[in-house]
Amino acid sequence: MAAIFIFTCMAAGVKYLSETIETPQIIFYRSFVGLVPLIVWMLVRREFPAALHTVRPLGHLWRAVVGTAAMGFYFMALARLPLPDVTAILYASPLITLGLATVILGERVGLHRWSAVGIGLGGVLLILWPHLGAGLAEGDRAALGAILALMTAFSMAFVMIQIRSLTGTESTSTIVLYFSLYPSLFALATLPFGWTVPSAGEFTILMLIGLGGGCGQLLLTQSYRYAPVSVVAPFEYTAMLWALLLGFTIFGDVPQVIMLVGAAIVIGAGLYVIYRERRLGIADKQAPRTQGT
């Protein structure tokens, strides 16, 4: 939940800069400056330079490619839609993750949680509907933003699965270190294609985005070390509280009723998943052979 709060503040900063700073440039600051808290954290724990050692270099590269794509989709969606709407659409990510966890990680998901996923995705469709069905004048921009947000949700789901897989052999420091290094290089390669010189205020926000992103990534990666993906992912729903507050106070965004209804449905589905996980955890302790539902 701490990571999600930090990421929502970071998203507000990205949206604020989106009119004047190109997306690859924001990705660079998010990734490269994010190395600062990571390196400090590793030095305190005496894990550097040992964190550079990895037995799965291709795993880190693939995670970085998907993660960089997710950041790009996310930042471009923020430039086109209100912050609460993007946040609500991203609620599809934990639901998608729950499905992927059964296929890729072999986690058991039964009828109750699959039903919650189906209902939650119905809520996501409600959130998408006003943007995909808008008029041509504004609809093209809104529809593209909605599609980018949905692409972000799918990419983030794969990233969550990859993080869970990497924690089996890699330390938290190694996972986050390589995720910061690779996107920095990917984004830096776009320098000749239109980066701008930021003002003092813009530079300050870019630095805060990077520092916040680094701290949030550490917290998020560490969380997957202590709980299954299907347990951690639904806590992302706390982002709506902060998105509504920041969206209204900074950008004047007033959410539509249909978006709030859709978000409520998805949140309800997520809370039910958390409830089922808790019940199954208790049942497993009492009867180890009980099947998950």
C-alpha atoms as a PDB file:
ATOM      1  CA  MET A   1       0.000   0.000   0.000  1.00  0.00           C
ATOM      2  CA  ALA A   2       2.923   2.341   0.634  1.00  0.00           C
ATOM      3  CA  ALA A   3       4.250   1.585  -2.836  1.00  0.00           C
ATOM      4  CA  ILE A   4       0.856   2.317  -4.405  1.00  0.00           C
ATOM      5  CA  PHE A   5       0.614   5.687  -2.621  1.00  0.00           C
ATOM      6  CA  ILE A   6       4.053   6.665  -3.904  1.00  0.00           C
ATOM      7  CA  PHE A   7       3.249   5.500  -7.438  1.00  0.00           C
ATOM      8  CA  THR A   8       0.009   7.527  -7.488  1.00  0.00           C
ATOM      9  CA  CYS A   9       1.892  10.680  -6.508  1.00  0.00           C
ATOM     10  CA  MET A  10       4.433   9.852  -9.218  1.00  0.00           C
ATOM     11  CA  ALA A  11       1.591   9.462 -11.747  1.00  0.00           C
ATOM     12  CA  ALA A  12       0.306  12.924 -10.863  1.00  0.00           C
ATOM     13  CA  GLY A  13       3.781  14.299 -11.558  1.00  0.00           C
ATOM     14  CA  VAL A  14       3.965  12.485 -14.897  1.00  0.00           C
ATOM     15  CA  LYS A  15       0.553  13.813 -15.934  1.00  0.00           C
ATOM     16  CA  TYR A  16       1.573  17.336 -14.969  1.00  0.00           C
ATOM     17  CA  LEU A  17       4.681  17.148 -17.185  1.00  0.00           C
ATOM     18  CA  SER A  18       3.092  15.282 -20.085  1.00  0.00           C
ATOM     19  CA  GLU A  19       2.283  18.425 -22.074  1.00  0.00           C
ATOM     20  CA  THR A  20       5.885  19.664 -22.180  1.00  0.00           C
ATOM     21  CA  ILE A  21       8.215  16.675 -21.620  1.00  0.00           C
ATOM     22  CA  GLU A  22       8.406  13.675 -23.970  1.00  0.00           C
ATOM     23  CA  THR A  23       7.538  10.236 -22.577  1.00  0.00           C
ATOM     24  CA  PRO A  24      11.007   8.630 -23.152  1.00  0.00           C
ATOM     25  CA  GLN A  25      12.625  11.520 -21.291  1.00  0.00           C
ATOM     26  CA  ILE A  26      10.302  10.986 -18.309  1.00  0.00           C
ATOM     27  CA  ILE A  27      11.072   7.254 -18.408  1.00  0.00           C
ATOM     28  CA  PHE A  28      14.798   8.053 -18.244  1.00  0.00           C
ATOM     29  CA  TYR A  29      14.460  10.220 -15.142  1.00  0.00           C
ATOM     30  CA  ARG A  30      12.076   7.715 -13.554  1.00  0.00           C
ATOM     31  CA  SER A  31      14.586   4.902 -14.058  1.00  0.00           C
ATOM     32  CA  PHE A  32      17.994   6.559 -13.757  1.00  0.00           C
ATOM     33  CA  VAL A  33      17.229   8.790 -10.758  1.00  0.00           C
ATOM     34  CA  GLY A  34      15.432   5.817  -9.234  1.00  0.00           C
ATOM     35  CA  LEU A  35      18.849   4.204  -8.869  1.00  0.00           C
ATOM     36  CA  VAL A  36      19.723   6.665  -6.065  1.00  0.00           C
ATOM     37  CA  PRO A  37      17.449   5.226  -3.324  1.00  0.00           C
ATOM     38  CA  LEU A  38      18.262   1.736  -4.572  1.00  0.00           C
ATOM     39  CA  ILE A  39      22.020   2.211  -4.267  1.00  0.00           C
ATOM     40  CA  VAL A  40      21.627   3.811  -0.828  1.00  0.00           C
ATOM     41  CA  TRP A  41      19.456   0.878   0.249  1.00  0.00           C
ATOM     42  CA  MET A  42      22.017  -1.624  -1.042  1.00  0.00           C
ATOM     43  CA  LEU A  43      24.919   0.166   0.643  1.00  0.00           C
ATOM     44  CA  VAL A  44      23.097   0.152   3.979  1.00  0.00           C
ATOM     45  CA  ARG A  45      22.458  -3.576   3.593  1.00  0.00           C
ATOM     46  CA  ARG A  46      25.996  -4.162   2.258  1.00  0.00           C
ATOM     47  CA  GLU A  47      24.611  -5.805  -0.879  1.00  0.00           C
ATOM     48  CA  PHE A  48      26.572  -3.819  -3.447  1.00  0.00           C
ATOM     49  CA  PRO A  49      28.321  -4.794  -5.701  1.00  0.00           C
ATOM     50  CA  ALA A  50      27.048  -8.314  -4.996  1.00  0.00           C
ATOM     51  CA  ALA A  51      23.635  -7.248  -6.344  1.00  0.00           C
ATOM     52  CA  LEU A  52      25.138  -7.082  -9.829  1.00  0.00           C
ATOM     53  CA  HIS A  53      25.514 -10.862  -9.847  1.00  0.00           C
ATOM     54  CA  THR A  54      22.626 -12.710 -11.456  1.00  0.00           C
ATOM     55  CA  VAL A  55      21.982 -16.230 -12.675  1.00  0.00           C
ATOM     56  CA  ARG A  56      19.102 -15.083 -14.905  1.00  0.00           C
ATOM     57  CA  PRO A  57      20.294 -12.177 -17.081  1.00  0.00           C
ATOM     58  CA  LEU A  58      17.757 -12.900 -19.804  1.00  0.00           C
ATOM     59  CA  GLY A  59      14.966 -12.952 -17.223  1.00  0.00           C
ATOM     60  CA  HIS A  60      15.932  -9.441 -16.117  1.00  0.00           C
ATOM     61  CA  LEU A  61      16.166  -8.255 -19.716  1.00  0.00           C
ATOM     62  CA  TRP A  62      12.726  -9.609 -20.593  1.00  0.00           C
ATOM     63  CA  ARG A  63      11.229  -8.108 -17.449  1.00  0.00           C
ATOM     64  CA  ALA A  64      12.822  -4.744 -18.315  1.00  0.00           C
ATOM     65  CA  VAL A  65      11.456  -4.822 -21.873  1.00  0.00           C
ATOM     66  CA  VAL A  66       7.913  -5.507 -20.698  1.00  0.00           C
ATOM     67  CA  GLY A  67       8.254  -3.081 -17.779  1.00  0.00           C
ATOM     68  CA  THR A  68       9.544  -0.285 -20.009  1.00  0.00           C
ATOM     69  CA  ALA A  69       6.643  -0.840 -22.396  1.00  0.00           C
ATOM     70  CA  ALA A  70       4.239  -0.700 -19.457  1.00  0.00           C
ATOM     71  CA  MET A  71       5.741   2.613 -18.328  1.00  0.00           C
ATOM     72  CA  GLY A  72       5.479   4.055 -21.818  1.00  0.00           C
ATOM     73  CA  PHE A  73       1.841   3.001 -22.230  1.00  0.00           C
ATOM     74  CA  TYR A  74       1.046   4.301 -18.737  1.00  0.00           C
ATOM     75  CA  PHE A  75       2.645   7.704 -19.177  1.00  0.00           C
ATOM     76  CA  MET A  76       0.963   8.212 -22.561  1.00  0.00           C
ATOM     77  CA  ALA A  77      -2.406   7.206 -21.105  1.00  0.00           C
ATOM     78  CA  LEU A  78      -1.983   9.748 -18.308  1.00  0.00           C
ATOM     79  CA  ALA A  79      -1.494  12.471 -20.916  1.00  0.00           C
ATOM     80  CA  ARG A  80      -4.885  11.673 -22.464  1.00  0.00           C
ATOM     81  CA  LEU A  81      -7.203  10.725 -19.591  1.00  0.00           C
ATOM     82  CA  PRO A  82      -7.990  11.981 -16.068  1.00  0.00           C
ATOM     83  CA  LEU A  83      -5.878  10.417 -13.328  1.00  0.00           C
ATOM     84  CA  PRO A  84      -8.797   8.581 -11.632  1.00  0.00           C
ATOM     85  CA  ASP A  85      -9.924   7.084 -14.953  1.00  0.00           C
ATOM     86  CA  VAL A  86      -6.469   5.714 -15.768  1.00  0.00           C
ATOM     87  CA  THR A  87      -6.187   4.354 -12.230  1.00  0.00           C
ATOM     88  CA  ALA A  88      -9.575   2.659 -12.532  1.00  0.00           C
ATOM     89  CA  ILE A  89      -8.724   1.033 -15.882  1.00  0.00           C
ATOM     90  CA  LEU A  90      -5.482  -0.303 -14.406  1.00  0.00           C
ATOM     91  CA  TYR A  91      -7.588  -2.239 -11.925  1.00  0.00           C
ATOM     92  CA  ALA A  92      -7.808  -4.870 -14.652  1.00  0.00           C
ATOM     93  CA  SER A  93      -4.154  -5.695 -13.968  1.00  0.00           C
ATOM     94  CA  PRO A  94      -4.560  -7.629 -10.674  1.00  0.00           C
ATOM     95  CA  LEU A  95      -7.459  -9.571 -12.195  1.00  0.00           C
ATOM     96  CA  ILE A  96      -5.365 -10.463 -15.226  1.00  0.00           C
ATOM     97  CA  THR A  97      -2.506 -11.371 -12.896  1.00  0.00           C
ATOM     98  CA  LEU A  98      -4.737 -13.769 -11.006  1.00  0.00           C
ATOM     99  CA  GLY A  99      -5.429 -15.638 -14.229  1.00  0.00           C
ATOM    100  CA  LEU A 100      -1.798 -15.633 -15.322  1.00  0.00           C
ATOM    101  CA  ALA A 101      -0.694 -16.919 -11.919  1.00  0.00           C
ATOM    102  CA  THR A 102      -2.621 -20.136 -12.515  1.00  0.00           C
ATOM    103  CA  VAL A 103      -0.996 -20.756 -15.896  1.00  0.00           C
ATOM    104  CA  ILE A 104       2.556 -19.537 -15.336  1.00  0.00           C
ATOM    105  CA  LEU A 105       3.137 -20.016 -11.602  1.00  0.00           C
ATOM    106  CA  GLY A 106       0.774 -22.925 -10.994  1.00  0.00           C
ATOM    107  CA  GLU A 107      -1.153 -21.139  -8.243  1.00  0.00           C
ATOM    108  CA  ARG A 108      -4.579 -22.656  -7.605  1.00  0.00           C
ATOM    109  CA  VAL A 109      -7.575 -20.441  -8.365  1.00  0.00           C
ATOM    110  CA  GLY A 110     -11.033 -21.943  -7.978  1.00  0.00           C
ATOM    111  CA  LEU A 111     -14.576 -21.085  -8.996  1.00  0.00           C
ATOM    112  CA  HIS A 112     -15.150 -18.346  -6.416  1.00  0.00           C
ATOM    113  CA  ARG A 113     -12.125 -16.301  -7.411  1.00  0.00           C
ATOM    114  CA  TRP A 114     -12.677 -16.884 -11.148  1.00  0.00           C
ATOM    115  CA  SER A 115     -16.210 -15.528 -10.645  1.00  0.00           C
ATOM    116  CA  ALA A 116     -14.737 -12.456  -8.946  1.00  0.00           C
ATOM    117  CA  VAL A 117     -12.403 -11.972 -11.914  1.00  0.00           C
ATOM    118  CA  GLY A 118     -15.330 -12.129 -14.346  1.00  0.00           C
ATOM    119  CA  ILE A 119     -17.382  -9.618 -12.353  1.00  0.00           C
ATOM    120  CA  GLY A 120     -14.369  -7.346 -11.948  1.00  0.00           C
ATOM    121  CA  LEU A 121     -13.675  -7.325 -15.678  1.00  0.00           C
ATOM    122  CA  GLY A 122     -17.318  -6.351 -16.209  1.00  0.00           C
ATOM    123  CA  GLY A 123     -16.611  -3.329 -14.020  1.00  0.00           C
ATOM    124  CA  VAL A 124     -13.578  -2.519 -16.153  1.00  0.00           C
ATOM    125  CA  LEU A 125     -15.808  -2.518 -19.249  1.00  0.00           C
ATOM    126  CA  LEU A 126     -18.056   0.051 -17.559  1.00  0.00           C
ATOM    127  CA  ILE A 127     -15.022   2.244 -16.946  1.00  0.00           C
ATOM    128  CA  LEU A 128     -13.875   1.917 -20.556  1.00  0.00           C
ATOM    129  CA  TRP A 129     -17.277   2.513 -22.129  1.00  0.00           C
ATOM    130  CA  PRO A 130     -17.494   6.360 -21.908  1.00  0.00           C
ATOM    131  CA  HIS A 131     -14.047   6.734 -23.465  1.00  0.00           C
ATOM    132  CA  LEU A 132     -14.461   4.184 -26.239  1.00  0.00           C
ATOM    133  CA  GLY A 133     -17.943   5.478 -27.059  1.00  0.00           C
ATOM    134  CA  ALA A 134     -17.211   9.209 -27.009  1.00  0.00           C
ATOM    135  CA  GLY A 135     -17.743  11.553 -29.951  1.00  0.00           C
ATOM    136  CA  LEU A 136     -15.127  11.990 -32.642  1.00  0.00           C
ATOM    137  CA  ALA A 137     -13.939  15.410 -31.500  1.00  0.00           C
ATOM    138  CA  GLU A 138     -12.769  14.225 -28.102  1.00  0.00           C
ATOM    139  CA  GLY A 139     -13.287  10.505 -28.545  1.00  0.00           C
ATOM    140  CA  ASP A 140     -10.174   9.812 -30.599  1.00  0.00           C
ATOM    141  CA  ARG A 141      -7.905  11.108 -27.850  1.00  0.00           C
ATOM    142  CA  ALA A 142      -9.961   9.544 -25.053  1.00  0.00           C
ATOM    143  CA  ALA A 143     -10.274   6.199 -26.849  1.00  0.00           C
ATOM    144  CA  LEU A 144      -6.528   6.059 -27.460  1.00  0.00           C
ATOM    145  CA  GLY A 145      -5.920   6.870 -23.802  1.00  0.00           C
ATOM    146  CA  ALA A 146      -8.288   4.086 -22.729  1.00  0.00           C
ATOM    147  CA  ILE A 147      -6.588   1.575 -25.052  1.00  0.00           C
ATOM    148  CA  LEU A 148      -3.153   2.617 -23.770  1.00  0.00           C
ATOM    149  CA  ALA A 149      -4.333   2.218 -20.180  1.00  0.00           C
ATOM    150  CA  LEU A 150      -5.669  -1.259 -20.947  1.00  0.00           C
ATOM    151  CA  MET A 151      -2.362  -2.179 -22.626  1.00  0.00           C
ATOM    152  CA  THR A 152      -0.654  -0.960 -19.465  1.00  0.00           C
ATOM    153  CA  ALA A 153      -2.832  -3.260 -17.375  1.00  0.00           C
ATOM    154  CA  PHE A 154      -1.864  -6.321 -19.432  1.00  0.00           C
ATOM    155  CA  SER A 155       1.826  -5.366 -19.374  1.00  0.00           C
ATOM    156  CA  MET A 156       1.772  -4.811 -15.622  1.00  0.00           C
ATOM    157  CA  ALA A 157       0.198  -8.215 -15.097  1.00  0.00           C
ATOM    158  CA  PHE A 158       3.096  -9.866 -16.928  1.00  0.00           C
ATOM    159  CA  VAL A 159       5.564  -7.772 -14.908  1.00  0.00           C
ATOM    160  CA  MET A 160       3.975  -8.951 -11.649  1.00  0.00           C
ATOM    161  CA  ILE A 161       4.319 -12.572 -12.734  1.00  0.00           C
ATOM    162  CA  GLN A 162       7.935 -12.014 -13.786  1.00  0.00           C
ATOM    163  CA  ILE A 163       8.796 -10.414 -10.436  1.00  0.00           C
ATOM    164  CA  ARG A 164       7.295 -13.370  -8.586  1.00  0.00           C
ATOM    165  CA  SER A 165       9.282 -15.765 -10.776  1.00  0.00           C
ATOM    166  CA  LEU A 166      12.563 -13.869 -10.332  1.00  0.00           C
ATOM    167  CA  THR A 167      12.291 -13.781  -6.542  1.00  0.00           C
ATOM    168  CA  GLY A 168      12.865 -17.530  -6.546  1.00  0.00           C
ATOM    169  CA  THR A 169      16.550 -17.056  -7.417  1.00  0.00           C
ATOM    170  CA  GLU A 170      17.267 -13.307  -7.331  1.00  0.00           C
ATOM    171  CA  SER A 171      17.517 -10.816  -4.476  1.00  0.00           C
ATOM    172  CA  THR A 172      15.263  -7.785  -4.288  1.00  0.00           C
ATOM    173  CA  SER A 173      18.272  -5.535  -4.910  1.00  0.00           C
ATOM    174  CA  THR A 174      19.226  -7.412  -8.076  1.00  0.00           C
ATOM    175  CA  ILE A 175      15.696  -7.357  -9.481  1.00  0.00           C
ATOM    176  CA  VAL A 176      15.193  -3.630  -8.961  1.00  0.00           C
ATOM    177  CA  LEU A 177      18.764  -2.744  -9.968  1.00  0.00           C
ATOM    178  CA  TYR A 178      18.464  -4.307 -13.401  1.00  0.00           C
ATOM    179  CA  PHE A 179      14.963  -2.916 -13.888  1.00  0.00           C
ATOM    180  CA  SER A 180      16.363   0.580 -13.341  1.00  0.00           C
ATOM    181  CA  LEU A 181      19.458   0.076 -15.489  1.00  0.00           C
ATOM    182  CA  TYR A 182      17.846  -1.378 -18.602  1.00  0.00           C
ATOM    183  CA  PRO A 183      15.026   1.175 -19.037  1.00  0.00           C
ATOM    184  CA  SER A 184      17.552   3.977 -18.456  1.00  0.00           C
ATOM    185  CA  LEU A 185      19.545   2.692 -21.415  1.00  0.00           C
ATOM    186  CA  PHE A 186      16.440   2.119 -23.550  1.00  0.00           C
ATOM    187  CA  ALA A 187      15.194   5.667 -22.889  1.00  0.00           C
ATOM    188  CA  LEU A 188      18.617   7.275 -23.275  1.00  0.00           C
ATOM    189  CA  ALA A 189      18.795   5.895 -26.812  1.00  0.00           C
ATOM    190  CA  THR A 190      15.963   8.303 -27.721  1.00  0.00           C
ATOM    191  CA  LEU A 191      17.992  11.390 -26.727  1.00  0.00           C
ATOM    192  CA  PRO A 192      18.680  12.464 -30.349  1.00  0.00           C
ATOM    193  CA  PHE A 193      14.952  12.347 -31.181  1.00  0.00           C
ATOM    194  CA  GLY A 194      13.544  15.387 -29.409  1.00  0.00           C
ATOM    195  CA  TRP A 195      14.393  15.691 -25.726  1.00  0.00           C
ATOM    196  CA  THR A 196      13.787  19.164 -24.270  1.00  0.00           C
ATOM    197  CA  VAL A 197      15.664  21.166 -21.646  1.00  0.00           C
ATOM    198  CA  PRO A 198      13.369  21.215 -18.590  1.00  0.00           C
ATOM    199  CA  SER A 199      12.757  24.327 -16.537  1.00  0.00           C
ATOM    200  CA  ALA A 200      13.802  24.405 -12.883  1.00  0.00           C
ATOM    201  CA  GLY A 201      10.310  23.399 -11.786  1.00  0.00           C
ATOM    202  CA  GLU A 202      10.063  20.621 -14.341  1.00  0.00           C
ATOM    203  CA  PHE A 203      13.501  19.321 -13.387  1.00  0.00           C
ATOM    204  CA  THR A 204      12.455  19.215  -9.723  1.00  0.00           C
ATOM    205  CA  ILE A 205       9.349  17.196 -10.567  1.00  0.00           C
ATOM    206  CA  LEU A 206      11.390  14.846 -12.769  1.00  0.00           C
ATOM    207  CA  MET A 207      13.779  14.224  -9.887  1.00  0.00           C
ATOM    208  CA  LEU A 208      10.895  13.549  -7.488  1.00  0.00           C
ATOM    209  CA  ILE A 209       9.360  11.139 -10.013  1.00  0.00           C
ATOM    210  CA  GLY A 210      12.638   9.224 -10.156  1.00  0.00           C
ATOM    211  CA  LEU A 211      13.204   9.143  -6.402  1.00  0.00           C
ATOM    212  CA  GLY A 212       9.597   8.173  -5.722  1.00  0.00           C
ATOM    213  CA  GLY A 213       9.654   5.508  -8.414  1.00  0.00           C
ATOM    214  CA  GLY A 214      12.824   3.967  -6.979  1.00  0.00           C
ATOM    215  CA  CYS A 215      11.443   3.855  -3.430  1.00  0.00           C
ATOM    216  CA  GLY A 216       8.092   2.515  -4.601  1.00  0.00           C
ATOM    217  CA  GLN A 217       9.732  -0.185  -6.710  1.00  0.00           C
ATOM    218  CA  LEU A 218      11.755  -1.390  -3.737  1.00  0.00           C
ATOM    219  CA  LEU A 219       8.628  -1.660  -1.600  1.00  0.00           C
ATOM    220  CA  LEU A 220       6.622  -3.385  -4.332  1.00  0.00           C
ATOM    221  CA  THR A 221       9.313  -5.929  -5.201  1.00  0.00           C
ATOM    222  CA  GLN A 222       9.848  -6.746  -1.538  1.00  0.00           C
ATOM    223  CA  SER A 223       6.102  -7.310  -1.086  1.00  0.00           C
ATOM    224  CA  TYR A 224       6.120 -10.120  -3.661  1.00  0.00           C
ATOM    225  CA  ARG A 225       8.776 -11.882  -1.613  1.00  0.00           C
ATOM    226  CA  TYR A 226       6.405 -12.259   1.322  1.00  0.00           C
ATOM    227  CA  ALA A 227       3.086 -13.144  -0.350  1.00  0.00           C
ATOM    228  CA  PRO A 228       1.710 -14.746  -3.532  1.00  0.00           C
ATOM    229  CA  VAL A 229       0.820 -12.517  -6.475  1.00  0.00           C
ATOM    230  CA  SER A 230      -2.882 -13.271  -5.996  1.00  0.00           C
ATOM    231  CA  VAL A 231      -2.718 -11.827  -2.464  1.00  0.00           C
ATOM    232  CA  VAL A 232      -0.558  -8.751  -3.097  1.00  0.00           C
ATOM    233  CA  ALA A 233      -2.115  -7.560  -6.362  1.00  0.00           C
ATOM    234  CA  PRO A 234      -5.597  -6.565  -5.051  1.00  0.00           C
ATOM    235  CA  PHE A 235      -4.083  -4.003  -2.675  1.00  0.00           C
ATOM    236  CA  GLU A 236      -3.496  -1.868  -5.736  1.00  0.00           C
ATOM    237  CA  TYR A 237      -7.101  -0.734  -5.324  1.00  0.00           C
ATOM    238  CA  THR A 238      -6.045   1.737  -2.641  1.00  0.00           C
ATOM    239  CA  ALA A 239      -4.702   3.895  -5.487  1.00  0.00           C
ATOM    240  CA  MET A 240      -8.227   5.137  -6.252  1.00  0.00           C
ATOM    241  CA  LEU A 241      -8.429   7.068  -2.978  1.00  0.00           C
ATOM    242  CA  TRP A 242      -5.259   8.990  -3.799  1.00  0.00           C
ATOM    243  CA  ALA A 243      -6.111   9.348  -7.510  1.00  0.00           C
ATOM    244  CA  LEU A 244      -9.475  10.948  -6.724  1.00  0.00           C
ATOM    245  CA  LEU A 245      -7.873  13.344  -4.252  1.00  0.00           C
ATOM    246  CA  LEU A 246      -4.915  14.314  -6.448  1.00  0.00           C
ATOM    247  CA  GLY A 247      -6.979  14.393  -9.634  1.00  0.00           C
ATOM    248  CA  PHE A 248      -9.468  16.841  -8.143  1.00  0.00           C
ATOM    249  CA  THR A 249      -7.062  19.091  -6.236  1.00  0.00           C
ATOM    250  CA  ILE A 250      -4.352  19.346  -8.930  1.00  0.00           C
ATOM    251  CA  PHE A 251      -6.155  18.887 -12.255  1.00  0.00           C
ATOM    252  CA  GLY A 252      -9.791  19.594 -11.376  1.00  0.00           C
ATOM    253  CA  ASP A 253     -10.870  16.142 -12.550  1.00  0.00           C
ATOM    254  CA  VAL A 254     -14.455  15.312 -11.558  1.00  0.00           C
ATOM    255  CA  PRO A 255     -15.092  11.571 -12.038  1.00  0.00           C
ATOM    256  CA  GLN A 256     -18.115  10.351 -13.984  1.00  0.00           C
ATOM    257  CA  VAL A 257     -20.698   8.284 -12.153  1.00  0.00           C
ATOM    258  CA  ILE A 258     -20.255   5.308 -14.494  1.00  0.00           C
ATOM    259  CA  MET A 259     -16.517   5.292 -13.775  1.00  0.00           C
ATOM    260  CA  LEU A 260     -17.158   5.272 -10.026  1.00  0.00           C
ATOM    261  CA  VAL A 261     -19.690   2.451 -10.396  1.00  0.00           C
ATOM    262  CA  GLY A 262     -17.248   0.411 -12.481  1.00  0.00           C
ATOM    263  CA  ALA A 263     -14.427   1.096 -10.027  1.00  0.00           C
ATOM    264  CA  ALA A 264     -16.660   0.046  -7.119  1.00  0.00           C
ATOM    265  CA  ILE A 265     -17.444  -3.247  -8.871  1.00  0.00           C
ATOM    266  CA  VAL A 266     -13.761  -3.957  -9.488  1.00  0.00           C
ATOM    267  CA  ILE A 267     -12.843  -3.002  -5.930  1.00  0.00           C
ATOM    268  CA  GLY A 268     -15.586  -5.289  -4.624  1.00  0.00           C
ATOM    269  CA  ALA A 269     -14.226  -8.135  -6.748  1.00  0.00           C
ATOM    270  CA  GLY A 270     -10.724  -7.485  -5.426  1.00  0.00           C
ATOM    271  CA  LEU A 271     -11.871  -7.407  -1.823  1.00  0.00           C
ATOM    272  CA  TYR A 272     -13.675 -10.708  -2.347  1.00  0.00           C
ATOM    273  CA  VAL A 273     -10.456 -12.232  -3.693  1.00  0.00           C
ATOM    274  CA  ILE A 274      -8.637 -11.060  -0.556  1.00  0.00           C
ATOM    275  CA  TYR A 275     -11.424 -12.569   1.582  1.00  0.00           C
ATOM    276  CA  ARG A 276     -11.189 -15.907  -0.224  1.00  0.00           C
ATOM    277  CA  GLU A 277      -7.399 -15.943   0.127  1.00  0.00           C
ATOM    278  CA  ARG A 278      -7.731 -15.452   3.866  1.00  0.00           C
ATOM    279  CA  ARG A 279     -10.357 -18.222   4.189  1.00  0.00           C
ATOM    280  CA  LEU A 280      -8.272 -20.608   2.093  1.00  0.00           C
ATOM    281  CA  GLY A 281      -5.202 -19.815   4.176  1.00  0.00           C
ATOM    282  CA  ILE A 282      -7.079 -20.766   7.339  1.00  0.00           C
ATOM    283  CA  ALA A 283      -8.460 -23.909   5.686  1.00  0.00           C
ATOM    284  CA  ASP A 284      -5.005 -24.965   4.494  1.00  0.00           C
ATOM    285  CA  LYS A 285      -3.656 -24.758   8.037  1.00  0.00           C
ATOM    286  CA  GLN A 286      -6.502 -26.875   9.341  1.00  0.00           C
ATOM    287  CA  ALA A 287      -6.501 -29.390   6.460  1.00  0.00           C
ATOM    288  CA  PRO A 288      -3.462 -29.279   4.173  1.00  0.00           C
ATOM    289  CA  ARG A 289      -5.207 -31.307   1.462  1.00  0.00           C
ATOM    290  CA  THR A 290      -8.173 -28.984   1.077  1.00  0.00           C
ATOM    291  CA  GLN A 291      -8.583 -27.853  -2.536  1.00  0.00           C
ATOM    292  CA  GLY A 292      -8.585 -24.099  -3.293  1.00  0.00           C
ATOM    293  CA  THR A 293     -11.797 -22.568  -4.628  1.00  0.00           C
END
